[in-house]
Amino acid sequence: MANSFGYGGVATCAGLCAMSGQPVNRGDRVYRPRQGKSRTSNACAVILAAAIEIEARPGR
């Protein structure tokens, strides 16, 4: 899953973070799945940028 999420941007609607389950609000910094020629099953999923930053901290 981590390799398919590579596009950073801003949430355009509310939802849930696919990684942490936390609420995503419009305007939050998020990562989205890379878009290919065909639509994937996780095309609407987002991961909060803050969730990735927490996981990337040393010692985690």
PDB file of N, CA and C in Angstrom:
ATOM      1  N   MET A   1       0.828  -1.191   0.000  1.00  0.00           N
ATOM      2  CA  MET A   1       0.000   0.000   0.000  1.00  0.00           C
ATOM      3  C   MET A   1       0.870   1.251   0.000  1.00  0.00           C
ATOM      4  N   ALA A   2       1.954   1.254   0.763  1.00  0.00           N
ATOM      5  CA  ALA A   2       2.771   2.456   0.863  1.00  0.00           C
ATOM      6  C   ALA A   2       3.329   2.877  -0.491  1.00  0.00           C
ATOM      7  N   ASN A   3       3.690   1.935  -1.331  1.00  0.00           N
ATOM      8  CA  ASN A   3       4.245   2.277  -2.628  1.00  0.00           C
ATOM      9  C   ASN A   3       3.225   2.877  -3.565  1.00  0.00           C
ATOM     10  N   SER A   4       1.956   2.565  -3.395  1.00  0.00           N
ATOM     11  CA  SER A   4       0.943   3.102  -4.293  1.00  0.00           C
ATOM     12  C   SER A   4       0.513   4.516  -3.904  1.00  0.00           C
ATOM     13  N   PHE A   5       0.826   4.943  -2.687  1.00  0.00           N
ATOM     14  CA  PHE A   5       0.473   6.286  -2.245  1.00  0.00           C
ATOM     15  C   PHE A   5       1.677   7.183  -2.427  1.00  0.00           C
ATOM     16  N   GLY A   6       1.619   8.063  -3.404  1.00  0.00           N
ATOM     17  CA  GLY A   6       2.780   8.890  -3.643  1.00  0.00           C
ATOM     18  C   GLY A   6       2.460  10.315  -4.019  1.00  0.00           C
ATOM     19  N   TYR A   7       1.206  10.661  -4.172  1.00  0.00           N
ATOM     20  CA  TYR A   7       0.842  11.988  -4.627  1.00  0.00           C
ATOM     21  C   TYR A   7       0.384  12.823  -3.449  1.00  0.00           C
ATOM     22  N   GLY A   8       1.118  13.874  -3.125  1.00  0.00           N
ATOM     23  CA  GLY A   8       0.723  14.766  -2.047  1.00  0.00           C
ATOM     24  C   GLY A   8      -0.218  15.842  -2.555  1.00  0.00           C
ATOM     25  N   GLY A   9      -1.127  16.233  -1.720  1.00  0.00           N
ATOM     26  CA  GLY A   9      -2.069  17.269  -2.116  1.00  0.00           C
ATOM     27  C   GLY A   9      -2.931  17.690  -0.947  1.00  0.00           C
ATOM     28  N   VAL A  10      -4.084  18.199  -1.250  1.00  0.00           N
ATOM     29  CA  VAL A  10      -5.022  18.699  -0.256  1.00  0.00           C
ATOM     30  C   VAL A  10      -6.347  17.962  -0.428  1.00  0.00           C
ATOM     31  N   ALA A  11      -6.936  17.547   0.686  1.00  0.00           N
ATOM     32  CA  ALA A  11      -8.231  16.853   0.635  1.00  0.00           C
ATOM     33  C   ALA A  11      -9.297  17.785   0.083  1.00  0.00           C
ATOM     34  N   THR A  12     -10.064  17.278  -0.860  1.00  0.00           N
ATOM     35  CA  THR A  12     -11.130  18.081  -1.453  1.00  0.00           C
ATOM     36  C   THR A  12     -12.483  17.801  -0.814  1.00  0.00           C
ATOM     37  N   CYS A  13     -12.541  16.762   0.018  1.00  0.00           N
ATOM     38  CA  CYS A  13     -13.775  16.457   0.746  1.00  0.00           C
ATOM     39  C   CYS A  13     -13.416  15.715   2.030  1.00  0.00           C
ATOM     40  N   ALA A  14     -14.355  15.592   2.922  1.00  0.00           N
ATOM     41  CA  ALA A  14     -14.138  14.909   4.198  1.00  0.00           C
ATOM     42  C   ALA A  14     -14.129  13.405   3.989  1.00  0.00           C
ATOM     43  N   GLY A  15     -13.447  12.711   4.881  1.00  0.00           N
ATOM     44  CA  GLY A  15     -13.392  11.251   4.821  1.00  0.00           C
ATOM     45  C   GLY A  15     -12.606  10.723   5.991  1.00  0.00           C
ATOM     46  N   LEU A  16     -12.024   9.519   5.827  1.00  0.00           N
ATOM     47  CA  LEU A  16     -11.212   8.896   6.862  1.00  0.00           C
ATOM     48  C   LEU A  16      -9.843   8.549   6.297  1.00  0.00           C
ATOM     49  N   CYS A  17      -8.837   8.686   7.137  1.00  0.00           N
ATOM     50  CA  CYS A  17      -7.477   8.327   6.760  1.00  0.00           C
ATOM     51  C   CYS A  17      -7.388   6.806   6.652  1.00  0.00           C
ATOM     52  N   ALA A  18      -6.860   6.306   5.533  1.00  0.00           N
ATOM     53  CA  ALA A  18      -6.739   4.865   5.315  1.00  0.00           C
ATOM     54  C   ALA A  18      -5.687   4.234   6.218  1.00  0.00           C
ATOM     55  N   MET A  19      -4.800   5.029   6.773  1.00  0.00           N
ATOM     56  CA  MET A  19      -3.720   4.503   7.607  1.00  0.00           C
ATOM     57  C   MET A  19      -4.060   4.554   9.091  1.00  0.00           C
ATOM     58  N   SER A  20      -4.594   5.678   9.541  1.00  0.00           N
ATOM     59  CA  SER A  20      -4.831   5.873  10.974  1.00  0.00           C
ATOM     60  C   SER A  20      -6.299   5.772  11.379  1.00  0.00           C
ATOM     61  N   GLY A  21      -7.205   5.922  10.417  1.00  0.00           N
ATOM     62  CA  GLY A  21      -8.635   5.931  10.738  1.00  0.00           C
ATOM     63  C   GLY A  21      -9.129   7.272  11.249  1.00  0.00           C
ATOM     64  N   GLN A  22      -8.236   8.268  11.338  1.00  0.00           N
ATOM     65  CA  GLN A  22      -8.624   9.589  11.816  1.00  0.00           C
ATOM     66  C   GLN A  22      -9.445  10.316  10.755  1.00  0.00           C
ATOM     67  N   PRO A  23     -10.304  11.228  11.194  1.00  0.00           N
ATOM     68  CA  PRO A  23     -11.082  12.008  10.232  1.00  0.00           C
ATOM     69  C   PRO A  23     -10.187  12.878   9.358  1.00  0.00           C
ATOM     70  N   VAL A  24     -10.554  12.990   8.105  1.00  0.00           N
ATOM     71  CA  VAL A  24      -9.879  13.878   7.156  1.00  0.00           C
ATOM     72  C   VAL A  24     -10.860  14.994   6.832  1.00  0.00           C
ATOM     73  N   ASN A  25     -10.423  16.220   7.020  1.00  0.00           N
ATOM     74  CA  ASN A  25     -11.259  17.378   6.723  1.00  0.00           C
ATOM     75  C   ASN A  25     -10.823  18.011   5.417  1.00  0.00           C
ATOM     76  N   ARG A  26     -11.740  18.650   4.764  1.00  0.00           N
ATOM     77  CA  ARG A  26     -11.416  19.368   3.536  1.00  0.00           C
ATOM     78  C   ARG A  26     -10.293  20.358   3.818  1.00  0.00           C
ATOM     79  N   GLY A  27      -9.259  20.346   2.985  1.00  0.00           N
ATOM     80  CA  GLY A  27      -8.124  21.238   3.159  1.00  0.00           C
ATOM     81  C   GLY A  27      -6.940  20.613   3.880  1.00  0.00           C
ATOM     82  N   ASP A  28      -7.128  19.435   4.508  1.00  0.00           N
ATOM     83  CA  ASP A  28      -6.013  18.751   5.170  1.00  0.00           C
ATOM     84  C   ASP A  28      -4.992  18.295   4.138  1.00  0.00           C
ATOM     85  N   ARG A  29      -3.712  18.277   4.535  1.00  0.00           N
ATOM     86  CA  ARG A  29      -2.667  17.755   3.656  1.00  0.00           C
ATOM     87  C   ARG A  29      -2.772  16.235   3.643  1.00  0.00           C
ATOM     88  N   VAL A  30      -2.823  15.653   2.451  1.00  0.00           N
ATOM     89  CA  VAL A  30      -3.002  14.208   2.297  1.00  0.00           C
ATOM     90  C   VAL A  30      -2.121  13.650   1.188  1.00  0.00           C
ATOM     91  N   TYR A  31      -1.976  12.341   1.199  1.00  0.00           N
ATOM     92  CA  TYR A  31      -1.366  11.608   0.096  1.00  0.00           C
ATOM     93  C   TYR A  31      -2.445  10.758  -0.537  1.00  0.00           C
ATOM     94  N   ARG A  32      -2.423  10.705  -1.860  1.00  0.00           N
ATOM     95  CA  ARG A  32      -3.418   9.952  -2.625  1.00  0.00           C
ATOM     96  C   ARG A  32      -2.722   8.861  -3.421  1.00  0.00           C
ATOM     97  N   PRO A  33      -3.476   7.849  -3.846  1.00  0.00           N
ATOM     98  CA  PRO A  33      -2.886   6.829  -4.718  1.00  0.00           C
ATOM     99  C   PRO A  33      -2.459   7.445  -6.046  1.00  0.00           C
ATOM    100  N   ARG A  34      -1.392   6.912  -6.596  1.00  0.00           N
ATOM    101  CA  ARG A  34      -0.980   7.336  -7.936  1.00  0.00           C
ATOM    102  C   ARG A  34      -2.058   6.914  -8.917  1.00  0.00           C
ATOM    103  N   GLN A  35      -2.316   7.754  -9.876  1.00  0.00           N
ATOM    104  CA  GLN A  35      -3.328   7.457 -10.886  1.00  0.00           C
ATOM    105  C   GLN A  35      -2.686   6.800 -12.099  1.00  0.00           C
ATOM    106  N   GLY A  36      -3.212   5.705 -12.504  1.00  0.00           N
ATOM    107  CA  GLY A  36      -2.733   5.019 -13.699  1.00  0.00           C
ATOM    108  C   GLY A  36      -3.762   5.105 -14.803  1.00  0.00           C
ATOM    109  N   LYS A  37      -3.630   4.234 -15.771  1.00  0.00           N
ATOM    110  CA  LYS A  37      -4.578   4.230 -16.889  1.00  0.00           C
ATOM    111  C   LYS A  37      -5.948   3.729 -16.467  1.00  0.00           C
ATOM    112  N   SER A  38      -5.970   2.792 -15.517  1.00  0.00           N
ATOM    113  CA  SER A  38      -7.262   2.280 -15.050  1.00  0.00           C
ATOM    114  C   SER A  38      -7.464   2.664 -13.586  1.00  0.00           C
ATOM    115  N   ARG A  39      -8.700   2.839 -13.202  1.00  0.00           N
ATOM    116  CA  ARG A  39      -9.041   3.231 -11.840  1.00  0.00           C
ATOM    117  C   ARG A  39      -8.884   2.023 -10.913  1.00  0.00           C
ATOM    118  N   THR A  40      -8.134   2.194  -9.829  1.00  0.00           N
ATOM    119  CA  THR A  40      -7.920   1.117  -8.874  1.00  0.00           C
ATOM    120  C   THR A  40      -8.974   1.145  -7.775  1.00  0.00           C
ATOM    121  N   SER A  41      -9.026   0.071  -6.987  1.00  0.00           N
ATOM    122  CA  SER A  41     -10.033  -0.014  -5.932  1.00  0.00           C
ATOM    123  C   SER A  41      -9.791   1.006  -4.819  1.00  0.00           C
ATOM    124  N   ASN A  42      -8.566   1.506  -4.678  1.00  0.00           N
ATOM    125  CA  ASN A  42      -8.281   2.486  -3.628  1.00  0.00           C
ATOM    126  C   ASN A  42      -8.168   3.908  -4.170  1.00  0.00           C
ATOM    127  N   ALA A  43      -8.731   4.162  -5.309  1.00  0.00           N
ATOM    128  CA  ALA A  43      -8.595   5.465  -5.958  1.00  0.00           C
ATOM    129  C   ALA A  43      -9.125   6.616  -5.111  1.00  0.00           C
ATOM    130  N   CYS A  44     -10.088   6.377  -4.260  1.00  0.00           N
ATOM    131  CA  CYS A  44     -10.666   7.441  -3.430  1.00  0.00           C
ATOM    132  C   CYS A  44     -10.019   7.526  -2.051  1.00  0.00           C
ATOM    133  N   ALA A  45      -9.093   6.623  -1.753  1.00  0.00           N
ATOM    134  CA  ALA A  45      -8.459   6.598  -0.437  1.00  0.00           C
ATOM    135  C   ALA A  45      -7.459   7.734  -0.286  1.00  0.00           C
ATOM    136  N   VAL A  46      -7.279   8.190   0.950  1.00  0.00           N
ATOM    137  CA  VAL A  46      -6.267   9.196   1.258  1.00  0.00           C
ATOM    138  C   VAL A  46      -5.591   8.814   2.567  1.00  0.00           C
ATOM    139  N   ILE A  47      -4.360   9.272   2.734  1.00  0.00           N
ATOM    140  CA  ILE A  47      -3.629   9.126   3.991  1.00  0.00           C
ATOM    141  C   ILE A  47      -3.240  10.525   4.440  1.00  0.00           C
ATOM    142  N   LEU A  48      -3.560  10.852   5.682  1.00  0.00           N
ATOM    143  CA  LEU A  48      -3.179  12.153   6.225  1.00  0.00           C
ATOM    144  C   LEU A  48      -1.664  12.273   6.231  1.00  0.00           C
ATOM    145  N   ALA A  49      -1.164  13.414   5.794  1.00  0.00           N
ATOM    146  CA  ALA A  49       0.277  13.651   5.812  1.00  0.00           C
ATOM    147  C   ALA A  49       0.805  13.546   7.237  1.00  0.00           C
ATOM    148  N   ALA A  50       0.032  13.987   8.211  1.00  0.00           N
ATOM    149  CA  ALA A  50       0.456  13.914   9.616  1.00  0.00           C
ATOM    150  C   ALA A  50       0.650  12.475  10.064  1.00  0.00           C
ATOM    151  N   ALA A  51      -0.150  11.540   9.569  1.00  0.00           N
ATOM    152  CA  ALA A  51      -0.013  10.132   9.946  1.00  0.00           C
ATOM    153  C   ALA A  51       1.303   9.566   9.424  1.00  0.00           C
ATOM    154  N   ILE A  52       1.709   9.973   8.231  1.00  0.00           N
ATOM    155  CA  ILE A  52       2.977   9.514   7.668  1.00  0.00           C
ATOM    156  C   ILE A  52       4.139  10.136   8.427  1.00  0.00           C
ATOM    157  N   GLU A  53       4.023  11.397   8.797  1.00  0.00           N
ATOM    158  CA  GLU A  53       5.086  12.059   9.539  1.00  0.00           C
ATOM    159  C   GLU A  53       5.292  11.414  10.899  1.00  0.00           C
ATOM    160  N   ILE A  54       4.226  10.986  11.549  1.00  0.00           N
ATOM    161  CA  ILE A  54       4.323  10.310  12.854  1.00  0.00           C
ATOM    162  C   ILE A  54       5.033   8.972  12.690  1.00  0.00           C
ATOM    163  N   GLU A  55       4.680   8.203  11.667  1.00  0.00           N
ATOM    164  CA  GLU A  55       5.287   6.900  11.434  1.00  0.00           C
ATOM    165  C   GLU A  55       6.750   7.019  11.041  1.00  0.00           C
ATOM    166  N   ALA A  56       7.133   8.121  10.445  1.00  0.00           N
ATOM    167  CA  ALA A  56       8.512   8.304   9.967  1.00  0.00           C
ATOM    168  C   ALA A  56       9.470   8.783  11.070  1.00  0.00           C
ATOM    169  N   ARG A  57       8.950   9.109  12.229  1.00  0.00           N
ATOM    170  CA  ARG A  57       9.812   9.585  13.316  1.00  0.00           C
ATOM    171  C   ARG A  57      10.782   8.481  13.737  1.00  0.00           C
ATOM    172  N   PRO A  58      12.018   8.864  14.045  1.00  0.00           N
ATOM    173  CA  PRO A  58      12.989   7.879  14.533  1.00  0.00           C
ATOM    174  C   PRO A  58      12.489   7.223  15.826  1.00  0.00           C
ATOM    175  N   GLY A  59      12.751   5.941  15.959  1.00  0.00           N
ATOM    176  CA  GLY A  59      12.335   5.236  17.161  1.00  0.00           C
ATOM    177  C   GLY A  59      10.958   4.628  17.090  1.00  0.00           C
ATOM    178  N   ARG A  60      10.271   4.777  15.964  1.00  0.00           N
ATOM    179  CA  ARG A  60       8.935   4.184  15.812  1.00  0.00           C
ATOM    180  C   ARG A  60       9.027   2.890  15.089  1.00  0.00           C
TER     181      ARG A  60
END
